[in-house]
N, C-alpha and C. Protein backbone atom coordinates (compact mmCIF):
# COMPACT_ATOMS: atom_id res chain seq x y z
N MET A 1 -53.94 -19.50 18.52
CA MET A 1 -52.87 -18.46 17.83
C MET A 1 -53.78 -17.48 16.87
N GLN A 2 -53.24 -16.23 17.13
CA GLN A 2 -53.99 -15.34 16.34
C GLN A 2 -53.19 -15.09 15.04
N ARG A 3 -54.01 -14.45 14.17
CA ARG A 3 -53.66 -14.26 12.96
C ARG A 3 -53.26 -12.86 12.78
N VAL A 4 -52.28 -12.39 12.26
CA VAL A 4 -51.98 -10.95 12.02
C VAL A 4 -51.73 -10.60 10.69
N THR A 5 -52.41 -9.72 10.22
CA THR A 5 -52.08 -9.28 8.74
C THR A 5 -51.68 -8.06 8.65
N VAL A 6 -50.70 -7.58 7.94
CA VAL A 6 -49.92 -6.54 7.52
C VAL A 6 -50.18 -6.10 6.23
N GLN A 7 -50.77 -4.83 6.02
CA GLN A 7 -51.07 -4.29 4.84
C GLN A 7 -49.95 -3.07 4.49
N ALA A 8 -49.20 -3.13 3.43
CA ALA A 8 -48.39 -2.12 3.20
C ALA A 8 -49.26 -1.10 2.55
N LEU A 9 -48.61 0.15 2.81
CA LEU A 9 -49.25 1.40 2.09
C LEU A 9 -48.86 1.45 0.85
N ALA A 10 -49.76 1.80 -0.14
CA ALA A 10 -49.41 2.11 -1.62
C ALA A 10 -48.53 3.09 -1.58
N PRO A 11 -47.67 3.11 -2.60
CA PRO A 11 -46.62 4.30 -2.78
C PRO A 11 -47.33 5.54 -3.15
N ALA A 12 -48.48 5.70 -3.56
CA ALA A 12 -49.21 6.90 -3.84
C ALA A 12 -49.59 7.59 -2.62
N SER A 13 -49.93 6.69 -1.63
CA SER A 13 -50.59 7.17 -0.35
C SER A 13 -49.48 7.73 0.61
N ARG A 14 -48.32 7.64 0.30
CA ARG A 14 -47.16 8.12 1.23
C ARG A 14 -46.27 9.08 0.31
N PRO A 15 -46.64 10.19 -0.09
CA PRO A 15 -45.77 11.07 -0.89
C PRO A 15 -44.73 11.67 -0.27
N LYS A 16 -45.02 11.91 1.33
CA LYS A 16 -43.96 12.81 2.18
C LYS A 16 -42.66 11.90 2.29
N GLU A 17 -42.83 10.65 2.30
CA GLU A 17 -41.39 9.87 2.57
C GLU A 17 -40.30 10.16 1.58
N GLY A 18 -40.77 10.39 0.32
CA GLY A 18 -39.71 10.58 -0.61
C GLY A 18 -39.00 11.96 -0.38
N TRP A 19 -39.75 12.93 0.14
CA TRP A 19 -39.12 14.11 0.40
C TRP A 19 -38.40 13.99 1.61
N LYS A 20 -38.87 13.28 2.55
CA LYS A 20 -37.90 13.18 3.77
C LYS A 20 -36.44 12.64 3.32
N ALA A 21 -36.65 11.57 2.39
CA ALA A 21 -35.21 10.95 2.11
C ALA A 21 -34.44 12.01 1.34
N PHE A 22 -35.03 12.66 0.48
CA PHE A 22 -34.43 13.79 -0.19
C PHE A 22 -33.77 14.86 0.59
N PHE A 23 -34.36 15.17 1.82
CA PHE A 23 -33.78 16.26 2.64
C PHE A 23 -32.66 15.47 3.44
N PHE A 24 -32.81 14.21 3.85
CA PHE A 24 -31.65 13.72 4.41
C PHE A 24 -30.37 13.37 3.78
N LEU A 25 -30.60 13.22 2.13
CA LEU A 25 -29.53 12.92 1.36
C LEU A 25 -29.11 14.28 0.61
N ALA A 26 -29.71 15.26 0.60
CA ALA A 26 -29.46 16.63 0.19
C ALA A 26 -28.06 17.37 0.50
N PRO A 27 -27.78 17.18 1.84
CA PRO A 27 -26.50 17.66 2.23
C PRO A 27 -25.39 17.08 1.73
N GLY A 28 -25.38 15.64 1.89
CA GLY A 28 -24.26 14.67 1.23
C GLY A 28 -24.07 15.07 -0.18
N LEU A 29 -25.27 14.99 -0.94
CA LEU A 29 -25.19 15.14 -2.23
C LEU A 29 -24.65 16.53 -2.74
N PHE A 30 -25.02 17.63 -1.98
CA PHE A 30 -24.41 18.76 -2.24
C PHE A 30 -22.86 18.98 -2.06
N PHE A 31 -22.43 18.47 -0.77
CA PHE A 31 -21.00 18.42 -0.74
C PHE A 31 -20.34 17.50 -1.51
N LEU A 32 -20.95 16.51 -2.11
CA LEU A 32 -20.28 15.45 -3.06
C LEU A 32 -20.16 16.32 -4.41
N LEU A 33 -21.04 16.89 -4.80
CA LEU A 33 -21.01 17.91 -6.12
C LEU A 33 -20.00 18.94 -5.94
N VAL A 34 -20.07 19.61 -4.76
CA VAL A 34 -19.23 20.74 -4.71
C VAL A 34 -17.80 20.30 -4.60
N PHE A 35 -17.50 19.38 -3.69
CA PHE A 35 -16.24 19.20 -3.31
C PHE A 35 -15.42 18.14 -4.05
N VAL A 36 -16.31 17.27 -4.91
CA VAL A 36 -15.66 16.20 -5.62
C VAL A 36 -15.83 16.42 -7.28
N TYR A 37 -17.01 16.44 -7.65
CA TYR A 37 -17.42 16.43 -8.97
C TYR A 37 -17.16 17.80 -9.86
N LEU A 38 -17.38 19.07 -9.20
CA LEU A 38 -17.03 20.18 -9.68
C LEU A 38 -15.45 20.30 -9.82
N PRO A 39 -14.73 20.10 -8.86
CA PRO A 39 -13.37 20.19 -8.99
C PRO A 39 -12.69 19.14 -10.12
N LEU A 40 -13.40 18.00 -10.01
CA LEU A 40 -12.91 17.02 -11.10
C LEU A 40 -13.18 17.47 -12.60
N LEU A 41 -14.18 18.12 -12.82
CA LEU A 41 -14.51 18.68 -14.17
C LEU A 41 -13.77 19.91 -14.33
N ALA A 42 -13.39 20.86 -13.43
CA ALA A 42 -12.63 21.91 -13.65
C ALA A 42 -11.28 21.51 -13.96
N ASN A 43 -10.72 20.55 -13.21
CA ASN A 43 -9.36 19.89 -13.54
C ASN A 43 -9.38 19.37 -15.06
N LEU A 44 -10.35 18.63 -15.27
CA LEU A 44 -10.41 17.99 -16.52
C LEU A 44 -10.49 19.02 -17.67
N ALA A 45 -11.18 20.09 -17.32
CA ALA A 45 -11.14 21.27 -18.40
C ALA A 45 -9.74 21.96 -18.47
N LEU A 46 -8.82 21.98 -17.45
CA LEU A 46 -7.82 22.74 -17.36
C LEU A 46 -6.52 21.82 -17.93
N SER A 47 -6.83 20.57 -18.00
CA SER A 47 -5.78 19.68 -18.59
C SER A 47 -5.83 19.66 -19.93
N PHE A 48 -6.74 20.49 -20.78
CA PHE A 48 -6.67 20.81 -22.22
C PHE A 48 -6.27 22.06 -22.45
N MET A 49 -5.86 22.86 -21.43
CA MET A 49 -5.13 24.19 -21.59
C MET A 49 -3.84 24.38 -21.56
N ASP A 50 -3.13 25.09 -22.14
CA ASP A 50 -1.74 25.70 -21.94
C ASP A 50 -1.84 26.83 -21.14
N TRP A 51 -1.43 26.74 -19.87
CA TRP A 51 -1.75 27.83 -19.02
C TRP A 51 -0.37 28.39 -18.29
N ASN A 52 -0.22 29.80 -18.55
CA ASN A 52 0.88 30.54 -18.14
C ASN A 52 0.53 31.17 -16.61
N LEU A 53 0.98 30.50 -15.70
CA LEU A 53 0.50 30.97 -14.34
C LEU A 53 1.09 32.54 -13.89
N ILE A 54 2.23 32.79 -14.61
CA ILE A 54 2.70 34.21 -14.28
C ILE A 54 2.09 35.23 -14.90
N ARG A 55 1.78 35.09 -16.22
CA ARG A 55 0.84 35.99 -17.03
C ARG A 55 -0.64 35.90 -16.86
N SER A 56 -1.09 34.84 -16.32
CA SER A 56 -2.61 34.40 -16.37
C SER A 56 -3.07 34.29 -17.57
N GLU A 57 -2.40 33.63 -18.72
CA GLU A 57 -2.82 33.43 -19.95
C GLU A 57 -3.18 31.89 -20.09
N ALA A 58 -4.15 31.69 -20.76
CA ALA A 58 -4.59 30.36 -21.02
C ALA A 58 -4.93 30.33 -22.46
N ARG A 59 -4.39 29.20 -23.18
CA ARG A 59 -5.06 28.84 -24.50
C ARG A 59 -5.21 27.58 -24.66
N PHE A 60 -6.04 27.04 -25.53
CA PHE A 60 -6.42 25.86 -25.67
C PHE A 60 -5.42 24.97 -26.26
N ALA A 61 -5.05 23.96 -25.82
CA ALA A 61 -3.86 22.92 -26.50
C ALA A 61 -4.48 21.79 -26.83
N GLY A 62 -5.71 21.53 -26.69
CA GLY A 62 -6.25 20.24 -27.21
C GLY A 62 -5.47 19.02 -26.25
N LEU A 63 -5.37 17.99 -27.09
CA LEU A 63 -4.60 16.84 -26.48
C LEU A 63 -3.27 16.71 -26.47
N GLU A 64 -2.49 17.85 -26.80
CA GLU A 64 -1.06 18.05 -26.69
C GLU A 64 -0.60 17.78 -25.56
N ASN A 65 -1.07 18.28 -24.31
CA ASN A 65 -0.59 17.83 -23.11
C ASN A 65 -0.68 16.52 -22.84
N TYR A 66 -1.56 15.60 -23.22
CA TYR A 66 -1.65 14.27 -23.07
C TYR A 66 -0.50 13.50 -23.81
N ARG A 67 -0.40 14.17 -24.95
CA ARG A 67 0.78 13.31 -25.92
C ARG A 67 2.02 13.59 -25.16
N ILE A 68 2.30 15.00 -24.77
CA ILE A 68 3.66 15.00 -24.18
C ILE A 68 3.89 14.29 -22.81
N LEU A 69 2.69 13.92 -22.04
CA LEU A 69 2.67 13.28 -20.99
C LEU A 69 2.77 11.71 -21.23
N PHE A 70 2.31 11.09 -22.12
CA PHE A 70 2.40 9.57 -22.62
C PHE A 70 3.81 9.39 -23.42
N GLN A 71 4.49 10.39 -23.73
CA GLN A 71 5.77 10.44 -24.34
C GLN A 71 6.95 10.52 -23.36
N ASP A 72 6.71 10.69 -22.39
CA ASP A 72 7.47 11.05 -21.17
C ASP A 72 8.06 9.57 -20.54
N PRO A 73 9.29 9.14 -20.77
CA PRO A 73 9.64 7.87 -20.07
C PRO A 73 9.33 7.86 -18.61
N ALA A 74 9.39 8.86 -17.94
CA ALA A 74 9.39 8.75 -16.44
C ALA A 74 7.94 8.61 -16.12
N PHE A 75 6.91 9.20 -16.88
CA PHE A 75 5.71 8.95 -16.64
C PHE A 75 5.23 7.50 -16.95
N VAL A 76 5.82 6.82 -17.97
CA VAL A 76 5.46 5.44 -18.29
C VAL A 76 6.19 4.59 -17.28
N GLN A 77 7.22 4.86 -16.69
CA GLN A 77 7.98 3.98 -15.70
C GLN A 77 6.98 4.21 -14.46
N THR A 78 6.55 5.31 -14.24
CA THR A 78 5.86 5.48 -12.85
C THR A 78 4.47 4.79 -12.74
N VAL A 79 3.95 4.68 -14.01
CA VAL A 79 2.82 4.10 -14.26
C VAL A 79 2.94 2.41 -14.17
N ARG A 80 3.96 1.94 -14.74
CA ARG A 80 4.33 0.75 -14.44
C ARG A 80 4.58 0.39 -12.98
N GLN A 81 5.28 1.07 -12.43
CA GLN A 81 5.71 0.81 -11.03
C GLN A 81 4.53 0.85 -10.08
N SER A 82 3.56 1.72 -10.40
CA SER A 82 2.16 1.87 -9.57
C SER A 82 1.35 0.74 -9.72
N LEU A 83 1.51 0.22 -11.12
CA LEU A 83 0.72 -1.03 -11.34
C LEU A 83 1.10 -2.27 -10.76
N ALA A 84 2.30 -2.41 -10.77
CA ALA A 84 3.18 -3.46 -9.95
C ALA A 84 2.91 -3.35 -8.46
N TYR A 85 3.07 -2.31 -7.87
CA TYR A 85 2.71 -2.24 -6.44
C TYR A 85 1.23 -2.55 -6.16
N MET A 86 0.36 -1.99 -6.96
CA MET A 86 -0.95 -2.35 -6.74
C MET A 86 -1.22 -3.72 -6.69
N GLY A 87 -0.67 -4.55 -7.81
CA GLY A 87 -0.89 -5.97 -7.98
C GLY A 87 -0.25 -6.52 -6.70
N LEU A 88 0.87 -6.40 -6.39
CA LEU A 88 1.53 -7.02 -5.12
C LEU A 88 0.65 -6.69 -3.84
N ALA A 89 0.10 -5.41 -3.75
CA ALA A 89 -0.71 -5.08 -2.58
C ALA A 89 -2.02 -5.89 -2.71
N LEU A 90 -2.53 -5.96 -3.86
CA LEU A 90 -3.81 -6.76 -3.95
C LEU A 90 -3.33 -8.41 -3.74
N VAL A 91 -2.49 -8.93 -3.95
CA VAL A 91 -2.00 -10.35 -3.79
C VAL A 91 -1.67 -10.30 -2.30
N GLY A 92 -1.05 -9.55 -1.79
CA GLY A 92 -0.54 -9.62 -0.13
C GLY A 92 -1.80 -9.37 0.62
N ASN A 93 -2.57 -8.42 0.23
CA ASN A 93 -3.84 -8.19 1.16
C ASN A 93 -5.03 -8.88 1.06
N PHE A 94 -4.84 -9.93 -0.15
CA PHE A 94 -6.17 -10.58 -0.31
C PHE A 94 -5.83 -12.32 -0.15
N LEU A 95 -4.70 -12.76 -0.91
CA LEU A 95 -4.52 -13.99 -0.86
C LEU A 95 -3.85 -14.48 0.48
N PHE A 96 -2.86 -13.58 1.07
CA PHE A 96 -2.32 -14.07 2.26
C PHE A 96 -3.36 -14.38 3.43
N PRO A 97 -4.32 -13.34 3.67
CA PRO A 97 -5.25 -13.44 4.82
C PRO A 97 -6.24 -14.58 4.18
N LEU A 98 -6.62 -14.83 3.15
CA LEU A 98 -7.44 -15.90 2.70
C LEU A 98 -6.67 -17.30 3.06
N GLY A 99 -5.60 -17.24 2.54
CA GLY A 99 -5.01 -18.60 3.05
C GLY A 99 -4.63 -18.78 4.46
N LEU A 100 -4.41 -17.78 5.20
CA LEU A 100 -4.33 -17.94 6.65
C LEU A 100 -5.80 -18.28 7.03
N ALA A 101 -6.66 -17.63 6.62
CA ALA A 101 -8.02 -18.12 7.21
C ALA A 101 -8.47 -19.56 6.86
N SER A 102 -8.20 -19.97 5.75
CA SER A 102 -8.34 -21.34 5.26
C SER A 102 -7.51 -22.32 6.20
N LEU A 103 -6.29 -21.97 6.46
CA LEU A 103 -5.55 -23.02 7.35
C LEU A 103 -6.04 -22.71 8.79
N LEU A 104 -6.61 -21.81 9.28
CA LEU A 104 -7.15 -21.62 10.73
C LEU A 104 -8.45 -22.39 10.75
N CYS A 105 -9.23 -22.64 9.73
CA CYS A 105 -10.58 -23.30 9.80
C CYS A 105 -10.58 -24.64 9.74
N ARG A 106 -9.48 -25.15 9.47
CA ARG A 106 -9.10 -26.65 9.36
C ARG A 106 -9.09 -27.45 10.96
C-alpha cells in the first residue's frame, strides 16, 4: 500500500483565486444591489415624505405617514389576518407533512 500525502497551498500563494470568486459573484451582487437594495432604500426614503404626484411636490413628513397608517383600523385588521394566515399556513405546511411522514415510517 502506498502512502499519498496531500499538501494544501498556503492562502498567500494563491491570490488569484480570490479574484476569480469575486468575478463570478460580481454580476449577482450588482443585480442584487441595483434591483433589491437601492429600490428598498428609495422606498424607505419616500415613506417619510408627503408627496403630491400631480404637482410633483414633496415635503418631509417624518413619522406622520406611519402614525396615520397604524391608526387605520383596516390596516390593523389586515395585519392580524395576514399573521393568522401565516400561522395557519405554517402549521398546515409543516406539522401535517411531518405527522404524515412519521406515520409512514412506522
